């Protein structure tokens, strides 16, 4: 459900921020991709585009 999804995304973001870890999230949801500082687009198993994201959103801002 949406609330649990937001809790999980917030926990991932917290670990990333507090521990400085690299986090890889694979999703078909472009709204979730909005949380990333960098987005890689794949097609047929290959990276076809790399996009920096200077306007990151928080888990609370993700629209499902």
C-alpha atoms as a PDB file:
ATOM      1  CA  UNK A   1       0.000   0.000   0.000  1.00  0.00           C
ATOM      2  CA  UNK A   2       1.022   3.644  -0.418  1.00  0.00           C
ATOM      3  CA  UNK A   3       1.773   4.329   3.249  1.00  0.00           C
ATOM      4  CA  UNK A   4       4.072   1.315   3.571  1.00  0.00           C
ATOM      5  CA  UNK A   5       5.774   2.223   0.306  1.00  0.00           C
ATOM      6  CA  UNK A   6       6.500   5.707   1.595  1.00  0.00           C
ATOM      7  CA  UNK A   7       7.878   4.312   4.865  1.00  0.00           C
ATOM      8  CA  UNK A   8      10.238   2.005   2.962  1.00  0.00           C
ATOM      9  CA  UNK A   9      11.380   4.797   0.631  1.00  0.00           C
ATOM     10  CA  UNK A  10      11.953   7.136   3.585  1.00  0.00           C
ATOM     11  CA  UNK A  11      14.022   4.452   5.351  1.00  0.00           C
ATOM     12  CA  UNK A  12      16.163   3.927   2.242  1.00  0.00           C
ATOM     13  CA  UNK A  13      16.692   7.688   1.917  1.00  0.00           C
ATOM     14  CA  UNK A  14      17.624   7.950   5.613  1.00  0.00           C
ATOM     15  CA  UNK A  15      20.248   5.194   5.365  1.00  0.00           C
ATOM     16  CA  UNK A  16      21.634   6.839   2.230  1.00  0.00           C
ATOM     17  CA  UNK A  17      21.870  10.268   3.877  1.00  0.00           C
ATOM     18  CA  UNK A  18      23.117   9.220   7.310  1.00  0.00           C
ATOM     19  CA  UNK A  19      25.570   6.505   6.302  1.00  0.00           C
ATOM     20  CA  UNK A  20      26.611   7.869   2.920  1.00  0.00           C
ATOM     21  CA  UNK A  21      25.814   4.577   1.246  1.00  0.00           C
ATOM     22  CA  UNK A  22      25.163   4.046  -2.412  1.00  0.00           C
ATOM     23  CA  UNK A  23      21.611   2.874  -2.972  1.00  0.00           C
ATOM     24  CA  UNK A  24      20.359   1.243  -6.141  1.00  0.00           C
ATOM     25  CA  UNK A  25      16.599   1.178  -6.632  1.00  0.00           C
ATOM     26  CA  UNK A  26      15.111  -0.490  -9.678  1.00  0.00           C
ATOM     27  CA  UNK A  27      11.610   0.678 -10.547  1.00  0.00           C
ATOM     28  CA  UNK A  28       9.184   1.252 -13.375  1.00  0.00           C
ATOM     29  CA  UNK A  29       7.660   4.122 -11.377  1.00  0.00           C
ATOM     30  CA  UNK A  30       9.123   7.415 -12.609  1.00  0.00           C
ATOM     31  CA  UNK A  31       7.772   9.169  -9.510  1.00  0.00           C
ATOM     32  CA  UNK A  32      10.028   7.032  -7.304  1.00  0.00           C
ATOM     33  CA  UNK A  33      12.929   7.737  -9.653  1.00  0.00           C
ATOM     34  CA  UNK A  34      12.402  11.397  -8.743  1.00  0.00           C
ATOM     35  CA  UNK A  35      14.005  10.664  -5.358  1.00  0.00           C
ATOM     36  CA  UNK A  36      17.332   9.743  -6.956  1.00  0.00           C
ATOM     37  CA  UNK A  37      20.215  12.106  -7.520  1.00  0.00           C
ATOM     38  CA  UNK A  38      20.982  10.211 -10.729  1.00  0.00           C
ATOM     39  CA  UNK A  39      18.711   8.109 -12.946  1.00  0.00           C
ATOM     40  CA  UNK A  40      19.894   5.524 -15.442  1.00  0.00           C
ATOM     41  CA  UNK A  41      17.438   4.532 -18.180  1.00  0.00           C
ATOM     42  CA  UNK A  42      17.786   1.045 -19.614  1.00  0.00           C
ATOM     43  CA  UNK A  43      16.527  -0.634 -22.746  1.00  0.00           C
ATOM     44  CA  UNK A  44      17.147  -4.281 -23.579  1.00  0.00           C
ATOM     45  CA  UNK A  45      19.526  -4.547 -20.623  1.00  0.00           C
ATOM     46  CA  UNK A  46      21.737  -1.619 -21.659  1.00  0.00           C
ATOM     47  CA  UNK A  47      22.056   1.897 -20.300  1.00  0.00           C
ATOM     48  CA  UNK A  48      20.650   4.218 -22.953  1.00  0.00           C
ATOM     49  CA  UNK A  49      20.541   7.436 -20.948  1.00  0.00           C
ATOM     50  CA  UNK A  50      21.975   8.868 -17.740  1.00  0.00           C
ATOM     51  CA  UNK A  51      20.162  11.789 -16.175  1.00  0.00           C
ATOM     52  CA  UNK A  52      21.298  13.859 -13.197  1.00  0.00           C
ATOM     53  CA  UNK A  53      18.413  14.956 -10.990  1.00  0.00           C
ATOM     54  CA  UNK A  54      19.081  18.331  -9.345  1.00  0.00           C
ATOM     55  CA  UNK A  55      15.471  18.579  -8.051  1.00  0.00           C
ATOM     56  CA  UNK A  56      15.089  15.484  -5.900  1.00  0.00           C
ATOM     57  CA  UNK A  57      11.805  14.821  -4.149  1.00  0.00           C
ATOM     58  CA  UNK A  58      11.211  13.191  -0.756  1.00  0.00           C
ATOM     59  CA  UNK A  59       9.317   9.976  -0.077  1.00  0.00           C
ATOM     60  CA  UNK A  60       6.379  12.060   1.125  1.00  0.00           C
ATOM     61  CA  UNK A  61       6.242  13.823  -2.263  1.00  0.00           C
ATOM     62  CA  UNK A  62       6.057  10.630  -4.350  1.00  0.00           C
ATOM     63  CA  UNK A  63       2.725  10.475  -6.183  1.00  0.00           C
ATOM     64  CA  UNK A  64       1.570   6.886  -6.698  1.00  0.00           C
END
